[in-house]
Amino acid sequence: MNVTNSPDIQVSQRPAAKERKNIILKSLSKLLKLLFNRIFYVAFAILAQIGWLALLAFYFVSYSSYIYIGVEVLAIILVLWIVNKKMNPSYKLAWTVTILAVPVFGVLLYFLFGKSRIAAAMAVRIEKVTDDSRPFLLEDQETRRQLMEADPSVNLQSLYIRDKAGFPLCGHTETQYFQVGDQMFPVLVSELQRAERFIFIEYFIINDGLMWETILGILEKKAAEGVDVRLIYDGFGGLTSLPARYAEKLREKNLKCVVFNPFRPILNIVQNNRDHRKLCIIDGKTGFTGGINLSDEYINQKKRFGHWKDTAVMLRGDAVWNMTVMFLHMWQVVNKDDTVPDYQAYMPETDQKHPFVHDGFVQPFSDSPLDKETVGENVYLHIINRANRYVYICTPYLIIDNEMMTALCLAAKSGVDVRIITPSVPDKRMVFWLSQSYYEQLLEAGVKIYEYQPGFLHAKSFVCDDEIGVVGTINLDYRSLYLHFEDGVWMYKTSVIGKMRTDFENTLAYSKPVTLEFCHGRNIFVRLVQNVLRLVAPMI
């Protein structure tokens, strides 16, 4: 019998051939998509510039021994300068090793990317707009007195936020918690449809789809009705999701729109600092923030990395004013506008018949890479250090410095129930491996780590002792803690604290505990990559 002509064999071969064809077509589709994506050309241009500068530097060094000695001396001086700078020790170690290992390339990299602060001109503008707004960010003394009487140690946390971030403690604010973007979206749409005076929107990522098209339709309608509609999106966050000159297209629709730090294929330290905040403020009465961007995967209308788990909060009442001022700060900075806004015009109109209830204490705050305070990290550290019973943390990335590692380990060793949930499905493979490299030390100290199994966990939240919670945009990684503009909402004894704990416990049911055996069982290649990534983690 000729087996090659067997009907059974032929039938089995057809699906295999069809499957191979589909794989080839999908691969070609991905390749074409990459080649015609702006990020490909931007990355190519930047890498070409780095390569050209490196070759030029090595050429001059090889041209003369005196030049080589000069570069070596410069490298030593630069390392001494870095070691004596007031910066995170992890940054010092990463740059010291890089510069001493490859002096020519290391020195070049540091002058291009080494500073963790944005351009001086923007820093000056930020300082000015912050000073201009101080008279409009006055704190209610009765609210402060009530918190002091409730818990002096918690009051100290709040005072730190007020004094270093510049945003006051608030009462008379209703809070609502959303455990997924699917829950938040219809509420956000409903609130936008009620807007009468202004809508302020500031997001890291905007992407075409059901979510953005729905919101955009409302914004166009409201702008036509005379509502003041303003939009800020990040230049890098919109690089792959929005067409070129998208802000101009929105302005043609009578929407006021600006891009924060437009991303250009030019070597510049300014490109390292991004606006990662997510704010929507409506009439100064209602405010939204959390991890949810304006893209369909965040509301599970589009599948990326499985089920998308995120969190957000909605505020109504006095605390929304903090968010309004945050947005106006950024609007002035991006527009390079030195005119002091009419802050009074954006204050909510007080309705004495329907005052907002006092739902605990609420303090929205922002964190900037321009000052010398890592406010986001310090808020987290305060919570960990004062915990008596538990600290539950959700974060998509776990790339932490020595201070955070010490605080988490010490809390666990002291008997505090410290639990962290991270994703099991990565959005960036190398970053995922880097996050997992921190597991072993935490587990050995008694920290419990879980990986969310249904998909990608993008939530950024802390909840502690049924009393304190933070929901916002601040990841546990170097970029969020040191390089990006971020925001969060600090809450004490509000109604959402219990809901945050319940949500965390429910999420545990869909998460797998990480064990030391898992950490020890990684293959040698992964562990080698993790070791290298740990060394340069502050620079990633």
Protein backbone atom coordinates (compact mmCIF):
# COMPACT_ATOMS: atom_id res chain seq x y z
CA MET A 1 0.00 0.00 0.00
CA ASN A 2 1.26 3.44 -0.90
CA VAL A 3 0.95 5.38 2.38
CA THR A 4 1.57 8.73 0.70
CA ASN A 5 -1.76 8.32 -1.15
CA SER A 6 -3.65 7.21 1.93
CA PRO A 7 -6.83 9.31 2.37
CA ASP A 8 -6.28 9.33 6.14
CA ILE A 9 -2.78 10.70 5.79
CA GLN A 10 -3.88 13.32 3.28
CA VAL A 11 -6.70 14.49 5.52
CA SER A 12 -4.31 14.83 8.46
CA GLN A 13 -1.82 16.75 6.34
CA ARG A 14 -4.30 19.43 5.18
CA PRO A 15 -4.93 20.96 8.64
CA ALA A 16 -1.20 20.94 9.38
CA ALA A 17 -0.45 22.79 6.14
CA LYS A 18 -3.28 25.24 6.82
CA GLU A 19 -1.98 25.82 10.34
CA ARG A 20 1.56 26.51 9.03
CA LYS A 21 0.11 28.95 6.50
CA ASN A 22 -1.81 30.77 9.24
CA ILE A 23 1.31 31.01 11.38
CA ILE A 24 3.29 32.46 8.46
CA LEU A 25 0.53 34.97 7.66
CA LYS A 26 0.30 36.05 11.30
CA SER A 27 4.07 36.46 11.50
CA LEU A 28 4.10 38.55 8.31
CA SER A 29 1.22 40.63 9.64
CA LYS A 30 3.09 41.33 12.88
CA LEU A 31 6.25 42.21 10.94
CA LEU A 32 4.41 44.62 8.65
CA LYS A 33 2.62 46.16 11.62
CA LEU A 34 5.99 46.73 13.30
CA LEU A 35 7.59 48.20 10.18
CA PHE A 36 4.75 50.67 9.68
CA ASN A 37 4.56 51.65 13.35
CA ARG A 38 5.99 54.99 14.44
CA ILE A 39 7.67 53.41 17.46
CA PHE A 40 9.86 51.33 15.11
CA TYR A 41 11.27 54.41 13.39
CA VAL A 42 11.65 56.30 16.67
CA ALA A 43 13.53 53.39 18.28
CA PHE A 44 15.68 52.94 15.17
CA ALA A 45 16.56 56.66 15.09
CA ILE A 46 17.51 56.74 18.78
CA LEU A 47 19.59 53.56 18.57
CA ALA A 48 21.34 54.91 15.47
CA GLN A 49 22.21 58.12 17.32
CA ILE A 50 23.54 56.20 20.33
CA GLY A 51 25.57 53.95 18.03
CA TRP A 52 26.99 56.86 16.07
CA LEU A 53 28.00 58.75 19.22
CA ALA A 54 29.54 55.62 20.71
CA LEU A 55 31.57 54.91 17.58
CA LEU A 56 32.71 58.54 17.46
CA ALA A 57 33.77 58.41 21.11
CA PHE A 58 35.66 55.12 20.69
CA TYR A 59 37.35 56.49 17.58
CA PHE A 60 38.71 59.52 19.43
CA VAL A 61 39.82 57.37 22.35
CA SER A 62 41.68 54.95 20.06
CA TYR A 63 43.17 57.88 18.14
CA SER A 64 45.22 59.07 21.08
CA SER A 65 46.34 57.55 24.37
CA TYR A 66 46.05 61.00 25.94
CA ILE A 67 42.37 61.15 25.05
CA TYR A 68 41.89 57.67 26.53
CA ILE A 69 43.57 58.73 29.78
CA GLY A 70 41.42 61.88 29.80
CA VAL A 71 38.23 59.81 29.50
CA GLU A 72 39.40 57.51 32.30
CA VAL A 73 40.06 60.49 34.56
CA LEU A 74 36.68 61.98 33.61
CA ALA A 75 35.01 58.66 34.46
CA ILE A 76 36.62 58.59 37.93
CA ILE A 77 35.64 62.23 38.59
CA LEU A 78 32.09 61.53 37.42
CA VAL A 79 31.81 58.48 39.68
CA LEU A 80 33.06 60.48 42.67
CA TRP A 81 30.51 63.18 41.87
CA ILE A 82 27.69 60.61 41.58
CA VAL A 83 28.64 58.90 44.86
CA ASN A 84 28.44 62.21 46.70
CA LYS A 85 25.16 63.28 45.14
CA LYS A 86 21.90 63.16 47.07
CA MET A 87 20.30 60.42 45.03
CA ASN A 88 19.02 56.91 45.58
CA PRO A 89 21.88 54.46 46.34
CA SER A 90 20.57 52.08 43.68
CA TYR A 91 21.09 54.76 41.03
CA LYS A 92 24.59 55.39 42.35
CA LEU A 93 25.50 51.70 42.14
CA ALA A 94 24.05 51.20 38.66
CA TRP A 95 25.80 54.20 37.16
CA THR A 96 29.08 53.58 39.01
CA VAL A 97 29.34 50.01 37.70
CA THR A 98 28.39 51.06 34.15
CA ILE A 99 30.84 53.98 34.00
CA LEU A 100 33.77 52.04 35.48
CA ALA A 101 33.10 48.92 33.39
CA VAL A 102 32.93 50.77 30.06
CA PRO A 103 34.22 54.30 30.71
CA VAL A 104 33.72 55.72 27.22
CA PHE A 105 30.21 54.41 26.69
CA GLY A 106 29.26 54.80 30.38
CA VAL A 107 30.22 58.48 30.49
CA LEU A 108 28.35 59.07 27.23
CA LEU A 109 25.21 57.33 28.55
CA TYR A 110 25.25 59.26 31.79
CA PHE A 111 25.41 62.65 30.11
CA LEU A 112 22.54 61.59 27.86
CA PHE A 113 20.27 59.78 30.31
CA GLY A 114 21.79 59.89 33.78
CA LYS A 115 19.89 62.73 35.36
CA SER A 116 16.55 61.79 36.88
CA ARG A 117 15.25 65.34 36.62
CA ILE A 118 13.59 67.02 33.68
CA ALA A 119 14.80 70.24 32.02
CA ALA A 120 15.49 73.18 34.31
CA ALA A 121 13.06 75.43 32.41
CA MET A 122 10.13 73.14 33.18
CA ALA A 123 11.24 72.87 36.81
CA VAL A 124 11.09 76.66 37.10
CA ARG A 125 7.60 76.73 35.58
CA ILE A 126 6.38 74.02 37.96
CA GLU A 127 7.72 75.93 40.94
CA LYS A 128 6.04 79.14 39.78
CA VAL A 129 2.59 77.66 39.18
CA THR A 130 2.80 75.82 42.50
CA ASP A 131 3.61 79.05 44.35
CA ASP A 132 0.80 80.88 42.54
CA SER A 133 -1.78 78.32 43.66
CA ARG A 134 -0.83 78.15 47.36
CA PRO A 135 -3.40 80.77 48.47
CA PHE A 136 -6.11 78.60 46.91
CA LEU A 137 -5.04 75.37 48.65
CA LEU A 138 -5.79 76.37 52.20
CA GLU A 139 -6.69 73.64 54.66
CA ASP A 140 -9.80 73.47 56.81
CA GLN A 141 -8.50 73.62 60.39
CA GLU A 142 -11.49 71.74 61.81
CA THR A 143 -10.83 68.79 59.50
CA ARG A 144 -7.18 68.80 60.58
CA ARG A 145 -8.17 68.89 64.26
CA GLN A 146 -10.52 65.95 63.81
CA LEU A 147 -7.81 63.80 62.22
CA MET A 148 -5.35 64.75 64.96
CA GLU A 149 -7.81 63.61 67.60
CA ALA A 150 -8.63 60.41 65.68
CA ASP A 151 -4.99 59.26 65.35
CA PRO A 152 -1.87 61.44 65.82
CA SER A 153 0.39 59.04 63.88
CA VAL A 154 -1.93 59.03 60.86
CA ASN A 155 -2.10 62.80 61.14
CA LEU A 156 1.67 62.92 60.67
CA GLN A 157 1.34 61.01 57.38
CA SER A 158 -1.22 63.53 56.19
CA LEU A 159 0.92 66.48 57.27
CA TYR A 160 3.81 65.10 55.22
CA ILE A 161 1.60 65.00 52.10
CA ARG A 162 0.36 68.54 52.74
CA ASP A 163 3.79 70.03 53.39
CA LYS A 164 5.79 68.19 50.71
CA ALA A 165 3.25 67.62 47.94
CA GLY A 166 1.34 70.84 48.64
CA PHE A 167 -2.20 69.43 48.75
CA PRO A 168 -4.40 69.77 51.85
CA LEU A 169 -6.38 67.21 53.82
CA CYS A 170 -10.10 67.24 52.98
CA GLY A 171 -13.33 66.12 54.57
CA HIS A 172 -16.90 66.27 53.24
CA THR A 173 -16.00 64.01 50.34
CA GLU A 174 -17.90 60.94 49.15
CA THR A 175 -15.75 58.07 47.84
CA GLN A 176 -16.63 55.26 45.46
CA TYR A 177 -14.35 52.34 44.60
CA PHE A 178 -14.23 50.42 41.31
CA GLN A 179 -12.59 46.99 41.32
CA VAL A 180 -12.37 46.80 37.50
CA GLY A 181 -12.53 49.27 34.65
CA ASP A 182 -15.76 47.65 33.45
CA GLN A 183 -17.47 49.06 36.56
CA MET A 184 -15.98 52.53 36.26
CA PHE A 185 -16.69 53.18 32.59
CA PRO A 186 -20.52 53.53 32.70
CA VAL A 187 -20.27 55.77 35.78
CA LEU A 188 -17.64 57.94 34.07
CA VAL A 189 -19.87 58.27 31.00
CA SER A 190 -22.86 59.22 33.14
CA GLU A 191 -20.88 61.90 35.00
CA LEU A 192 -19.46 63.35 31.77
CA GLN A 193 -22.95 63.65 30.34
CA ARG A 194 -23.94 65.78 33.36
CA ALA A 195 -21.10 68.31 32.90
CA GLU A 196 -22.25 71.93 32.87
CA ARG A 197 -19.12 74.07 33.36
CA PHE A 198 -15.89 72.22 32.58
CA ILE A 199 -14.29 68.84 31.91
CA PHE A 200 -10.57 68.34 32.55
CA ILE A 201 -8.98 65.11 31.29
CA GLU A 202 -5.33 64.08 31.76
CA TYR A 203 -4.22 60.56 30.82
CA PHE A 204 -1.04 58.69 29.95
CA ILE A 205 -2.63 56.56 27.20
CA ILE A 206 -5.53 57.27 24.86
CA ASN A 207 -6.39 54.66 22.24
CA ASP A 208 -9.09 54.49 19.61
CA GLY A 209 -11.93 52.11 20.41
CA LEU A 210 -15.27 51.87 22.18
CA MET A 211 -14.10 53.63 25.34
CA TRP A 212 -12.44 56.62 23.70
CA GLU A 213 -14.99 57.01 20.91
CA THR A 214 -17.79 57.10 23.50
CA ILE A 215 -15.98 59.69 25.61
CA LEU A 216 -14.91 61.74 22.58
CA GLY A 217 -18.51 61.94 21.37
CA ILE A 218 -19.56 63.36 24.75
CA LEU A 219 -16.67 65.83 24.78
CA GLU A 220 -17.57 67.14 21.31
CA LYS A 221 -21.21 67.55 22.33
CA LYS A 222 -20.31 69.33 25.57
CA ALA A 223 -17.84 71.64 23.85
CA ALA A 224 -20.58 72.62 21.39
CA GLU A 225 -22.78 73.46 24.40
CA GLY A 226 -20.13 75.84 25.74
CA VAL A 227 -18.55 73.56 28.35
CA ASP A 228 -14.81 74.21 28.83
CA VAL A 229 -13.26 70.92 27.67
CA ARG A 230 -9.51 70.45 28.10
CA LEU A 231 -7.38 67.39 27.44
CA ILE A 232 -3.74 66.48 28.18
CA TYR A 233 -2.17 63.23 27.04
CA ASP A 234 1.43 62.05 27.22
CA GLY A 235 3.56 62.15 24.09
CA PHE A 236 5.04 58.70 24.66
CA GLY A 237 1.82 57.11 25.93
CA GLY A 238 0.09 58.13 22.70
CA LEU A 239 3.00 57.28 20.41
CA THR A 240 1.72 53.87 19.32
CA SER A 241 -2.00 54.37 19.96
CA LEU A 242 -2.74 57.72 18.30
CA PRO A 243 -2.04 59.08 14.80
CA ALA A 244 0.45 61.87 14.26
CA ARG A 245 -0.78 65.41 15.04
CA TYR A 246 -3.78 64.03 16.88
CA ALA A 247 -3.92 67.05 19.20
CA GLU A 248 -4.43 69.29 16.17
CA LYS A 249 -7.34 67.13 15.01
CA LEU A 250 -8.97 67.44 18.43
CA ARG A 251 -8.48 71.20 18.43
CA GLU A 252 -10.33 71.30 15.09
CA LYS A 253 -13.27 69.80 16.99
CA ASN A 254 -13.18 72.79 19.40
CA LEU A 255 -11.53 70.71 22.14
CA LYS A 256 -8.60 72.33 23.93
CA CYS A 257 -5.82 69.75 23.74
CA VAL A 258 -2.09 69.71 24.46
CA VAL A 259 0.53 66.96 24.48
CA PHE A 260 2.84 66.57 27.45
CA ASN A 261 6.47 66.28 26.36
CA PRO A 262 5.94 65.19 22.72
CA PHE A 263 8.20 62.23 22.02
CA ARG A 264 10.80 62.93 19.37
CA PRO A 265 13.55 60.64 18.04
CA ILE A 266 16.25 62.87 19.51
CA LEU A 267 18.60 61.94 22.35
CA ASN A 268 17.40 64.10 25.20
CA ILE A 269 17.09 63.48 28.93
CA VAL A 270 13.70 65.24 28.89
CA GLN A 271 12.23 62.23 27.06
CA ASN A 272 12.77 60.09 30.16
CA ASN A 273 10.13 61.92 32.24
CA ARG A 274 6.51 61.19 31.37
CA ASP A 275 3.06 62.26 32.56
CA HIS A 276 1.73 58.98 33.96
CA ARG A 277 -1.23 60.61 35.77
CA LYS A 278 -4.85 59.67 35.10
CA LEU A 279 -7.34 62.37 36.04
CA CYS A 280 -10.85 63.27 34.99
CA ILE A 281 -12.47 66.24 36.75
CA ILE A 282 -16.03 67.35 36.07
CA ASP A 283 -17.28 70.77 37.20
CA GLY A 284 -14.95 70.64 40.21
CA LYS A 285 -17.47 68.38 41.94
CA THR A 286 -16.54 64.92 40.68
CA GLY A 287 -13.07 63.44 40.12
CA PHE A 288 -11.78 60.08 38.90
CA THR A 289 -8.32 58.55 39.18
CA GLY A 290 -6.66 55.13 39.34
CA GLY A 291 -4.80 52.83 36.99
CA ILE A 292 -7.34 52.93 34.16
CA ASN A 293 -6.31 54.61 30.90
CA LEU A 294 -8.70 55.50 28.07
CA SER A 295 -8.25 52.31 26.06
CA ASP A 296 -10.47 49.28 25.52
CA GLU A 297 -8.28 46.70 27.26
CA TYR A 298 -8.77 48.61 30.53
CA ILE A 299 -12.52 47.90 30.40
CA ASN A 300 -12.06 44.36 28.98
CA GLN A 301 -13.54 45.24 25.60
CA LYS A 302 -10.26 44.24 24.02
CA LYS A 303 -8.22 41.22 25.09
CA ARG A 304 -4.58 41.93 25.82
CA PHE A 305 -2.78 39.55 28.18
CA GLY A 306 -6.07 37.97 29.34
CA HIS A 307 -8.47 39.58 31.81
CA TRP A 308 -7.40 43.13 32.72
CA LYS A 309 -7.67 43.73 36.46
CA ASP A 310 -7.50 47.40 37.49
CA THR A 311 -8.84 49.75 40.16
CA ALA A 312 -10.08 53.33 40.38
CA VAL A 313 -11.87 55.72 42.72
CA MET A 314 -14.43 58.45 42.19
CA LEU A 315 -14.56 61.41 44.56
CA ARG A 316 -17.41 63.88 45.09
CA GLY A 317 -16.93 66.91 47.27
CA ASP A 318 -14.16 69.02 48.74
CA ALA A 319 -11.23 66.76 47.80
CA VAL A 320 -11.94 67.16 44.08
CA TRP A 321 -10.47 70.67 44.37
CA ASN A 322 -7.00 69.14 44.86
CA MET A 323 -7.42 67.30 41.56
CA THR A 324 -8.63 70.44 39.78
CA VAL A 325 -5.53 72.35 40.87
CA MET A 326 -3.26 69.44 39.81
CA PHE A 327 -4.68 69.64 36.31
CA LEU A 328 -4.42 73.43 36.11
CA HIS A 329 -0.77 73.16 37.20
CA MET A 330 0.02 70.79 34.33
CA TRP A 331 -2.02 72.80 31.85
CA GLN A 332 0.01 75.93 32.60
CA VAL A 333 3.33 74.07 32.46
CA VAL A 334 2.66 72.36 29.14
CA ASN A 335 1.35 75.58 27.59
CA LYS A 336 4.25 77.60 29.06
CA ASP A 337 1.67 80.05 30.34
CA ASP A 338 2.85 82.42 33.08
CA THR A 339 -0.60 83.91 33.60
CA VAL A 340 -2.12 82.98 36.96
CA PRO A 341 -5.40 81.14 36.29
CA ASP A 342 -8.64 82.45 37.74
CA TYR A 343 -8.78 79.66 40.32
CA GLN A 344 -11.99 81.08 41.77
CA ALA A 345 -13.74 80.39 38.45
CA TYR A 346 -13.06 76.65 38.78
CA MET A 347 -14.13 76.25 42.38
CA PRO A 348 -17.33 74.22 42.77
CA GLU A 349 -20.54 76.08 43.32
CA THR A 350 -21.64 75.31 46.89
CA ASP A 351 -25.13 73.93 47.28
CA GLN A 352 -26.10 74.44 50.90
CA LYS A 353 -29.18 72.22 50.56
CA HIS A 354 -27.22 69.16 49.50
CA PRO A 355 -23.78 69.21 51.16
CA PHE A 356 -21.48 66.26 50.62
CA VAL A 357 -21.30 63.87 53.54
CA HIS A 358 -18.16 63.44 55.63
CA ASP A 359 -16.90 60.03 54.46
CA GLY A 360 -13.66 59.90 56.41
CA PHE A 361 -10.54 61.85 55.44
CA VAL A 362 -9.40 62.18 51.82
CA GLN A 363 -6.21 63.72 50.43
CA PRO A 364 -5.52 63.58 46.68
CA PHE A 365 -1.85 64.35 45.92
CA SER A 366 0.56 64.44 43.03
CA ASP A 367 4.22 63.46 42.76
CA SER A 368 6.72 65.20 40.52
CA PRO A 369 10.22 64.20 39.40
CA LEU A 370 11.18 67.88 39.59
CA ASP A 371 11.60 68.22 43.34
CA LYS A 372 13.79 66.43 45.86
CA GLU A 373 10.89 64.53 47.42
CA THR A 374 9.85 61.05 46.34
CA VAL A 375 6.36 61.68 47.70
CA GLY A 376 4.75 58.56 46.23
CA GLU A 377 7.34 56.21 47.69
CA ASN A 378 7.32 57.98 51.05
CA VAL A 379 3.53 57.74 51.30
CA TYR A 380 3.84 53.99 50.73
CA LEU A 381 6.69 53.72 53.24
CA HIS A 382 4.67 55.55 55.89
CA ILE A 383 1.83 53.06 55.47
CA ILE A 384 4.12 50.03 55.70
CA ASN A 385 6.05 51.35 58.67
CA ARG A 386 2.96 52.10 60.79
CA ALA A 387 1.05 48.91 59.93
CA ASN A 388 -0.02 46.86 62.94
CA ARG A 389 -1.97 43.98 61.39
CA TYR A 390 -1.72 43.88 57.61
CA VAL A 391 -0.66 45.63 54.42
CA TYR A 392 -2.18 44.42 51.15
CA ILE A 393 -0.58 45.67 47.92
CA CYS A 394 -1.49 45.40 44.24
CA THR A 395 1.14 46.42 41.69
CA PRO A 396 1.81 45.45 38.07
CA TYR A 397 5.57 45.82 38.56
CA LEU A 398 7.74 45.05 41.58
CA ILE A 399 11.09 46.75 40.97
CA ILE A 400 12.01 48.28 44.31
CA ASP A 401 14.94 50.03 45.93
CA ASN A 402 16.65 49.13 49.19
CA GLU A 403 14.39 51.41 51.27
CA MET A 404 11.21 49.73 50.06
CA MET A 405 12.72 46.25 50.33
CA THR A 406 13.82 46.94 53.92
CA ALA A 407 10.42 48.32 54.92
CA LEU A 408 8.49 45.38 53.47
CA CYS A 409 10.83 42.77 54.97
CA LEU A 410 10.93 44.45 58.39
CA ALA A 411 7.14 44.68 58.54
CA ALA A 412 6.80 40.98 57.69
CA LYS A 413 9.50 39.97 60.20
CA SER A 414 7.66 42.00 62.85
CA GLY A 415 4.50 39.96 62.39
CA VAL A 416 2.57 42.20 59.98
CA ASP A 417 0.67 40.26 57.31
CA VAL A 418 2.29 41.67 54.15
CA ARG A 419 0.78 40.42 50.90
CA ILE A 420 1.54 41.51 47.35
CA ILE A 421 -0.34 40.57 44.17
CA THR A 422 1.42 40.94 40.81
CA PRO A 423 0.44 39.72 37.31
CA SER A 424 1.10 36.20 36.05
CA VAL A 425 0.78 37.33 32.44
CA PRO A 426 3.45 39.90 31.52
CA ASP A 427 3.02 42.92 29.30
CA LYS A 428 6.82 43.24 29.06
CA ARG A 429 8.80 40.01 29.41
CA MET A 430 12.08 41.50 30.66
CA VAL A 431 10.31 43.72 33.20
CA PHE A 432 8.32 40.67 34.33
CA TRP A 433 11.53 38.69 34.93
CA LEU A 434 13.02 41.67 36.74
CA SER A 435 9.98 41.88 39.04
CA GLN A 436 10.27 38.17 39.82
CA SER A 437 13.94 38.62 40.76
CA TYR A 438 12.80 40.44 43.94
CA TYR A 439 10.54 37.60 45.08
CA GLU A 440 13.14 35.46 46.84
CA GLN A 441 14.33 38.04 49.36
CA LEU A 442 10.77 39.10 50.16
CA LEU A 443 9.56 35.52 50.59
CA GLU A 444 12.46 34.67 52.89
CA ALA A 445 11.43 37.58 55.13
CA GLY A 446 7.84 36.33 55.33
CA VAL A 447 6.16 38.50 52.69
CA LYS A 448 3.45 36.57 50.85
CA ILE A 449 3.45 37.05 47.06
CA TYR A 450 0.73 35.98 44.63
CA GLU A 451 0.42 36.13 40.85
CA TYR A 452 -2.96 36.97 39.34
CA GLN A 453 -3.79 34.05 37.03
CA PRO A 454 -6.59 35.21 34.68
CA GLY A 455 -4.43 37.85 33.04
CA PHE A 456 -2.74 41.18 33.66
CA LEU A 457 -3.09 42.98 36.98
CA HIS A 458 -2.59 46.72 36.42
CA ALA A 459 -3.99 47.97 39.76
CA LYS A 460 -1.88 50.21 42.01
CA SER A 461 -3.32 50.10 45.51
CA PHE A 462 -2.36 49.85 49.18
CA VAL A 463 -4.78 49.00 51.99
CA CYS A 464 -3.73 48.77 55.63
CA ASP A 465 -5.38 47.71 58.92
CA ASP A 466 -8.92 48.51 57.68
CA GLU A 467 -8.05 52.18 58.11
CA ILE A 468 -5.73 53.54 55.40
CA GLY A 469 -5.85 53.12 51.64
CA VAL A 470 -4.19 54.60 48.56
CA VAL A 471 -5.46 54.27 45.01
CA GLY A 472 -3.71 56.00 42.15
CA THR A 473 -1.20 55.69 39.33
CA ILE A 474 1.98 54.94 41.31
CA ASN A 475 3.60 51.56 40.54
CA LEU A 476 6.23 49.96 42.74
CA ASP A 477 9.00 50.57 40.22
CA TYR A 478 11.75 53.12 39.65
CA ARG A 479 9.95 54.90 36.83
CA SER A 480 6.84 55.66 38.87
CA LEU A 481 8.72 56.45 42.06
CA TYR A 482 11.50 58.58 40.55
CA LEU A 483 10.93 59.59 36.92
CA HIS A 484 7.24 60.14 36.21
CA PHE A 485 4.55 62.62 37.15
CA GLU A 486 2.04 60.61 39.20
CA ASP A 487 -1.04 61.06 41.34
CA GLY A 488 -2.85 59.21 44.10
CA VAL A 489 -5.62 59.49 46.67
CA TRP A 490 -4.71 58.89 50.33
CA MET A 491 -7.74 57.90 52.43
CA TYR A 492 -8.32 57.29 56.13
CA LYS A 493 -11.45 55.56 57.44
CA THR A 494 -13.49 56.15 54.30
CA SER A 495 -16.18 53.75 53.12
CA VAL A 496 -13.98 52.36 50.34
CA ILE A 497 -11.31 50.96 52.69
CA GLY A 498 -13.39 47.89 53.50
CA LYS A 499 -14.22 47.46 49.81
CA MET A 500 -10.53 47.60 48.93
CA ARG A 501 -9.78 44.82 51.42
CA THR A 502 -12.67 42.70 50.14
CA ASP A 503 -11.54 43.22 46.55
CA PHE A 504 -8.00 42.20 47.46
CA GLU A 505 -9.22 39.03 49.20
CA ASN A 506 -11.46 38.18 46.24
CA THR A 507 -8.53 38.69 43.87
CA LEU A 508 -6.47 36.26 45.97
CA ALA A 509 -8.95 33.54 45.01
CA TYR A 510 -7.81 33.97 41.40
CA SER A 511 -4.11 34.20 42.27
CA LYS A 512 -1.43 31.59 42.77
CA PRO A 513 0.97 31.79 45.73
CA VAL A 514 4.62 32.15 44.77
CA THR A 515 7.00 29.80 46.58
CA LEU A 516 10.73 29.76 47.23
CA GLU A 517 10.85 26.54 45.20
CA PHE A 518 9.64 28.52 42.19
CA CYS A 519 12.43 31.08 42.68
CA HIS A 520 15.11 28.40 43.11
CA GLY A 521 13.81 26.43 40.13
CA ARG A 522 14.34 29.11 37.49
CA ASN A 523 16.73 27.99 34.76
CA ILE A 524 20.24 29.39 34.66
CA PHE A 525 19.53 31.61 31.63
CA VAL A 526 16.60 33.38 33.33
CA ARG A 527 18.57 33.84 36.55
CA LEU A 528 21.52 35.29 34.62
CA VAL A 529 19.23 37.77 32.84
CA GLN A 530 17.61 38.66 36.17
CA ASN A 531 20.99 39.36 37.77
CA VAL A 532 21.99 41.68 34.94
CA LEU A 533 18.63 43.45 34.99
CA ARG A 534 18.82 43.94 38.76
CA LEU A 535 22.12 45.74 38.31
CA VAL A 536 20.71 48.23 35.81
CA ALA A 537 17.13 48.33 37.17
CA PRO A 538 17.23 52.06 38.06
CA MET A 539 18.22 52.86 34.48
CA ILE A 540 15.44 50.84 32.79
